[in-house]
C-alpha atoms as a PDB file:
ATOM      1  CA  MET A   1     -29.124   6.999 -28.555  1.00  0.00           C
ATOM      2  CA  LYS A   2     -26.429   4.576 -29.431  1.00  0.00           C
ATOM      3  CA  PRO A   3     -25.487   2.646 -26.691  1.00  0.00           C
ATOM      4  CA  THR A   4     -21.720   3.542 -27.081  1.00  0.00           C
ATOM      5  CA  LYS A   5     -22.534   7.182 -26.641  1.00  0.00           C
ATOM      6  CA  SER A   6     -24.381   6.527 -23.611  1.00  0.00           C
ATOM      7  CA  ARG A   7     -21.789   4.470 -21.969  1.00  0.00           C
ATOM      8  CA  ASN A   8     -19.090   6.865 -23.227  1.00  0.00           C
ATOM      9  CA  ARG A   9     -20.894   9.104 -20.741  1.00  0.00           C
ATOM     10  CA  LEU A  10     -21.437   7.175 -17.989  1.00  0.00           C
ATOM     11  CA  ILE A  11     -17.412   6.652 -18.198  1.00  0.00           C
ATOM     12  CA  TYR A  12     -15.471   9.682 -19.421  1.00  0.00           C
ATOM     13  CA  ASN A  13     -18.316  12.355 -18.292  1.00  0.00           C
ATOM     14  CA  ALA A  14     -19.031  10.982 -14.945  1.00  0.00           C
ATOM     15  CA  THR A  15     -19.700  13.003 -12.229  1.00  0.00           C
ATOM     16  CA  PHE A  16     -17.354  12.986  -9.088  1.00  0.00           C
ATOM     17  CA  HIS A  17     -18.732  10.866  -7.087  1.00  0.00           C
ATOM     18  CA  THR A  18     -19.316   8.119  -9.790  1.00  0.00           C
ATOM     19  CA  ARG A  19     -15.523   8.600 -10.819  1.00  0.00           C
ATOM     20  CA  SER A  20     -14.833   7.882  -7.229  1.00  0.00           C
ATOM     21  CA  LYS A  21     -17.037   4.686  -7.467  1.00  0.00           C
ATOM     22  CA  GLN A  22     -14.947   3.506 -10.566  1.00  0.00           C
ATOM     23  CA  LEU A  23     -11.600   3.269  -8.605  1.00  0.00           C
ATOM     24  CA  GLY A  24     -12.475  -0.104  -7.486  1.00  0.00           C
ATOM     25  CA  SER A  25     -10.269  -2.850  -7.034  1.00  0.00           C
ATOM     26  CA  GLN A  26     -10.371  -6.554  -6.184  1.00  0.00           C
ATOM     27  CA  LEU A  27      -9.108  -7.854  -2.730  1.00  0.00           C
ATOM     28  CA  SER A  28      -6.868 -10.511  -2.205  1.00  0.00           C
ATOM     29  CA  GLU A  29      -8.511 -13.990  -1.068  1.00  0.00           C
ATOM     30  CA  ASP A  30      -7.160 -13.192   2.743  1.00  0.00           C
ATOM     31  CA  LEU A  31      -8.930  -9.739   2.764  1.00  0.00           C
ATOM     32  CA  ARG A  32     -12.106 -11.354   1.158  1.00  0.00           C
ATOM     33  CA  LYS A  33     -12.258 -13.805   3.879  1.00  0.00           C
ATOM     34  CA  LYS A  34     -11.687 -11.461   6.419  1.00  0.00           C
ATOM     35  CA  TYR A  35     -13.839  -8.354   5.425  1.00  0.00           C
ATOM     36  CA  GLY A  36     -16.636 -10.622   3.079  1.00  0.00           C
ATOM     37  CA  LYS A  37     -16.302  -8.230   0.253  1.00  0.00           C
ATOM     38  CA  LYS A  38     -14.834  -8.688  -3.190  1.00  0.00           C
ATOM     39  CA  SER A  39     -13.588  -5.291  -4.053  1.00  0.00           C
ATOM     40  CA  VAL A  40     -12.883  -2.039  -2.440  1.00  0.00           C
ATOM     41  CA  ARG A  41     -12.225   1.852  -3.697  1.00  0.00           C
ATOM     42  CA  VAL A  42      -8.602   1.875  -3.427  1.00  0.00           C
ATOM     43  CA  ILE A  43      -6.754   5.117  -1.648  1.00  0.00           C
ATOM     44  CA  GLU A  44      -3.266   6.268  -1.080  1.00  0.00           C
ATOM     45  CA  GLY A  45      -1.186   3.955   0.970  1.00  0.00           C
ATOM     46  CA  ASP A  46      -2.866   0.573  -0.182  1.00  0.00           C
ATOM     47  CA  SER A  47      -0.465  -2.086  -0.838  1.00  0.00           C
ATOM     48  CA  ILE A  48      -1.348  -3.700  -4.128  1.00  0.00           C
ATOM     49  CA  LYS A  49       0.153  -6.137  -6.713  1.00  0.00           C
ATOM     50  CA  ILE A  50      -0.378  -5.489 -10.277  1.00  0.00           C
ATOM     51  CA  VAL A  51      -2.094  -8.770 -12.139  1.00  0.00           C
ATOM     52  CA  ARG A  52      -2.144  -7.379 -15.677  1.00  0.00           C
ATOM     53  CA  GLY A  53      -0.045  -5.138 -18.383  1.00  0.00           C
ATOM     54  CA  GLU A  54       3.610  -4.366 -18.687  1.00  0.00           C
ATOM     55  CA  PHE A  55       4.247  -4.589 -14.926  1.00  0.00           C
ATOM     56  CA  LYS A  56       2.546  -7.731 -14.217  1.00  0.00           C
ATOM     57  CA  GLY A  57       3.847  -9.312 -10.703  1.00  0.00           C
ATOM     58  CA  VAL A  58       5.013  -6.085  -9.364  1.00  0.00           C
ATOM     59  CA  ASP A  59       4.096  -5.475  -5.721  1.00  0.00           C
ATOM     60  CA  GLY A  60       4.157  -1.867  -4.119  1.00  0.00           C
ATOM     61  CA  LYS A  61       2.155   1.158  -2.473  1.00  0.00           C
ATOM     62  CA  ILE A  62      -0.280   3.342  -3.993  1.00  0.00           C
ATOM     63  CA  SER A  63       1.509   7.054  -3.959  1.00  0.00           C
ATOM     64  CA  LYS A  64      -1.340   8.923  -6.035  1.00  0.00           C
ATOM     65  CA  VAL A  65      -4.678   8.203  -7.154  1.00  0.00           C
ATOM     66  CA  SER A  66      -6.194  10.003 -10.098  1.00  0.00           C
ATOM     67  CA  THR A  67      -9.873  10.337 -10.303  1.00  0.00           C
ATOM     68  CA  LYS A  68      -9.412  12.109 -13.813  1.00  0.00           C
ATOM     69  CA  LYS A  69      -7.409   9.317 -15.373  1.00  0.00           C
ATOM     70  CA  SER A  70      -9.547   6.439 -13.345  1.00  0.00           C
ATOM     71  CA  SER A  71      -5.930   5.061 -12.495  1.00  0.00           C
ATOM     72  CA  VAL A  72      -3.085   5.161  -9.964  1.00  0.00           C
ATOM     73  CA  ALA A  73       0.435   5.804  -9.672  1.00  0.00           C
ATOM     74  CA  ILE A  74       2.480   3.309  -7.658  1.00  0.00           C
ATOM     75  CA  GLU A  75       5.741   3.490  -5.755  1.00  0.00           C
ATOM     76  CA  GLY A  76       8.613   1.940  -7.891  1.00  0.00           C
ATOM     77  CA  VAL A  77       6.622   2.036 -11.064  1.00  0.00           C
ATOM     78  CA  LYS A  78       8.255   4.447 -13.376  1.00  0.00           C
ATOM     79  CA  LYS A  79       9.377   4.722 -16.936  1.00  0.00           C
ATOM     80  CA  GLU A  80      12.266   6.544 -18.640  1.00  0.00           C
ATOM     81  CA  LYS A  81      12.111   9.166 -21.303  1.00  0.00           C
ATOM     82  CA  THR A  82      14.701   9.187 -23.875  1.00  0.00           C
ATOM     83  CA  LYS A  83      16.533  12.376 -22.212  1.00  0.00           C
ATOM     84  CA  GLY A  84      16.785  10.041 -18.886  1.00  0.00           C
ATOM     85  CA  ASP A  85      13.882  11.811 -16.905  1.00  0.00           C
ATOM     86  CA  LYS A  86      11.741   9.481 -15.253  1.00  0.00           C
ATOM     87  CA  PHE A  87       7.562   9.717 -14.743  1.00  0.00           C
ATOM     88  CA  ASP A  88       5.076   8.003 -13.027  1.00  0.00           C
ATOM     89  CA  VAL A  89       3.211   5.471 -14.841  1.00  0.00           C
ATOM     90  CA  TYR A  90      -0.760   5.641 -14.100  1.00  0.00           C
ATOM     91  CA  ILE A  91      -2.479   1.980 -14.070  1.00  0.00           C
ATOM     92  CA  HIS A  92      -6.059   1.509 -14.466  1.00  0.00           C
ATOM     93  CA  THR A  93      -7.397  -0.039 -11.054  1.00  0.00           C
ATOM     94  CA  SER A  94      -8.932  -2.859 -12.806  1.00  0.00           C
ATOM     95  CA  ASN A  95      -5.838  -4.329 -13.255  1.00  0.00           C
ATOM     96  CA  LEU A  96      -4.613  -4.361  -9.582  1.00  0.00           C
ATOM     97  CA  LEU A  97      -5.212  -6.747  -6.496  1.00  0.00           C
ATOM     98  CA  VAL A  98      -5.315  -5.065  -3.204  1.00  0.00           C
ATOM     99  CA  THR A  99      -3.130  -6.882  -0.723  1.00  0.00           C
ATOM    100  CA  GLY A 100      -2.858  -4.713   2.211  1.00  0.00           C
ATOM    101  CA  LEU A 101      -5.261  -1.926   3.249  1.00  0.00           C
ATOM    102  CA  ASN A 102      -4.392   1.780   4.681  1.00  0.00           C
ATOM    103  CA  THR A 103      -6.029   1.340   8.075  1.00  0.00           C
ATOM    104  CA  ASP A 104      -5.848   5.376   8.708  1.00  0.00           C
ATOM    105  CA  ASP A 105      -9.132   5.985   8.092  1.00  0.00           C
ATOM    106  CA  LYS A 106     -11.648   4.306  10.645  1.00  0.00           C
ATOM    107  CA  TRP A 107     -15.198   5.319   8.678  1.00  0.00           C
ATOM    108  CA  ARG A 108     -13.520   2.777   5.988  1.00  0.00           C
ATOM    109  CA  ILE A 109     -12.460  -0.008   7.918  1.00  0.00           C
ATOM    110  CA  ALA A 110     -16.063   0.178   9.707  1.00  0.00           C
ATOM    111  CA  LYS A 111     -17.548   0.471   6.351  1.00  0.00           C
ATOM    112  CA  LEU A 112     -15.662  -2.461   5.255  1.00  0.00           C
ATOM    113  CA  GLU A 113     -16.683  -4.695   8.231  1.00  0.00           C
ATOM    114  CA  GLY A 114     -20.360  -3.979   7.674  1.00  0.00           C
ATOM    115  CA  LYS A 115     -20.666  -1.648  10.841  1.00  0.00           C
ATOM    116  CA  LYS A 116     -21.592   2.038  10.739  1.00  0.00           C
ATOM    117  CA  GLN A 117     -18.974   4.363  13.002  1.00  0.00           C
ATOM    118  CA  SER A 118     -22.190   5.998  14.832  1.00  0.00           C
ATOM    119  CA  GLU A 119     -23.383   2.578  15.816  1.00  0.00           C
ATOM    120  CA  LYS A 120     -20.138   1.235  16.709  1.00  0.00           C
ATOM    121  CA  LEU A 121     -19.357   4.071  18.905  1.00  0.00           C
ATOM    122  CA  LYS A 122     -22.988   3.787  20.516  1.00  0.00           C
ATOM    123  CA  THR A 123     -22.609   0.284  21.233  1.00  0.00           C
ATOM    124  CA  THR A 124     -19.322   0.846  23.192  1.00  0.00           C
ATOM    125  CA  ILE A 125     -20.667   3.377  25.130  1.00  0.00           C
ATOM    126  CA  GLU A 126     -23.891   1.721  26.083  1.00  0.00           C
ATOM    127  CA  LYS A 127     -22.132  -1.652  26.956  1.00  0.00           C
ATOM    128  CA  ILE A 128     -20.005  -0.221  30.167  1.00  0.00           C
ATOM    129  CA  PRO A 129     -23.174   1.388  31.911  1.00  0.00           C
ATOM    130  CA  THR A 130     -25.204  -1.486  31.405  1.00  0.00           C
ATOM    131  CA  LYS A 131     -22.605  -4.118  32.625  1.00  0.00           C
ATOM    132  CA  GLU A 132     -22.290  -2.387  35.786  1.00  0.00           C
ATOM    133  CA  SER A 133     -25.999  -1.706  36.381  1.00  0.00           C
ATOM    134  CA  THR A 134     -26.994  -5.093  35.690  1.00  0.00           C
ATOM    135  CA  THR A 135     -24.481  -6.772  38.070  1.00  0.00           C
ATOM    136  CA  LYS A 136     -25.835  -4.398  40.776  1.00  0.00           C
ATOM    137  CA  ASN A 137     -29.298  -5.675  39.816  1.00  0.00           C
ATOM    138  CA  THR A 138     -28.388  -9.090  40.055  1.00  0.00           C
ATOM    139  CA  VAL A 139     -26.522  -8.409  43.517  1.00  0.00           C
ATOM    140  CA  LYS A 140     -29.963  -6.647  45.188  1.00  0.00           C
ATOM    141  CA  GLU A 141     -32.155  -9.518  43.653  1.00  0.00           C
ATOM    142  CA  THR A 142     -29.807 -12.083  44.994  1.00  0.00           C
ATOM    143  CA  LYS A 143     -30.150 -10.392  48.394  1.00  0.00           C
ATOM    144  CA  THR A 144     -33.852  -9.936  48.602  1.00  0.00           C
ATOM    145  CA  LYS A 145     -34.302 -13.492  47.547  1.00  0.00           C
ATOM    146  CA  GLU A 146     -32.385 -14.691  50.428  1.00  0.00           C
ATOM    147  CA  THR A 147     -34.252 -12.577  52.674  1.00  0.00           C
ATOM    148  CA  LYS A 148     -37.506 -13.977  51.547  1.00  0.00           C
ATOM    149  CA  VAL A 149     -36.274 -17.692  51.899  1.00  0.00           C
ATOM    150  CA  THR A 150     -35.397 -17.114  55.124  1.00  0.00           C
ATOM    151  CA  LYS A 151     -38.567 -15.549  56.176  1.00  0.00           C
ATOM    152  CA  THR A 152     -40.631 -18.395  54.930  1.00  0.00           C
ATOM    153  CA  GLN A 153     -38.282 -20.927  56.587  1.00  0.00           C
ATOM    154  CA  LYS A 154     -38.793 -19.405  59.714  1.00  0.00           C
ATOM    155  CA  LYS A 155     -42.404 -19.347  59.459  1.00  0.00           C
ATOM    156  CA  GLU A 156     -42.040 -23.406  58.554  1.00  0.00           C
ATOM    157  CA  VAL A 157     -39.974 -23.892  61.813  1.00  0.00           C
ATOM    158  CA  GLU A 158     -42.251 -21.888  64.048  1.00  0.00           C
ATOM    159  CA  LYS A 159     -45.398 -24.493  62.680  1.00  0.00           C
END
């Protein structure tokens, strides 16, 4: 099979979850340092900057995501028809730079930070009881040590 044919199958006839992965875009320098990742899948509400094409330099928020077109519509980026109607311009995600993330989805943020949501919840639940129990144990240990020391001291004094 020709390489172009197999490549086109991967891009244009891809499954839904593969198309979703193709909607990735680069992170800005600040977000790269914060999360330690170079790219992220874009969703509605992310703040972006267009780095290539006709609308280069425009900042905005993502209003619609089209997995079928592998591109996104951005608030304020519209073209005008000859009759005066305006329509959304869909821009491919490879031409975007993500400057701000939509933090409504906690699972997405946990994944960016490299933590699993279930592990994050378990650690917060486990930390609370262990702190209380360790403080009680240390108080009990210090009391028992003091009593042992005082008994040995008394024996030495009696001798």
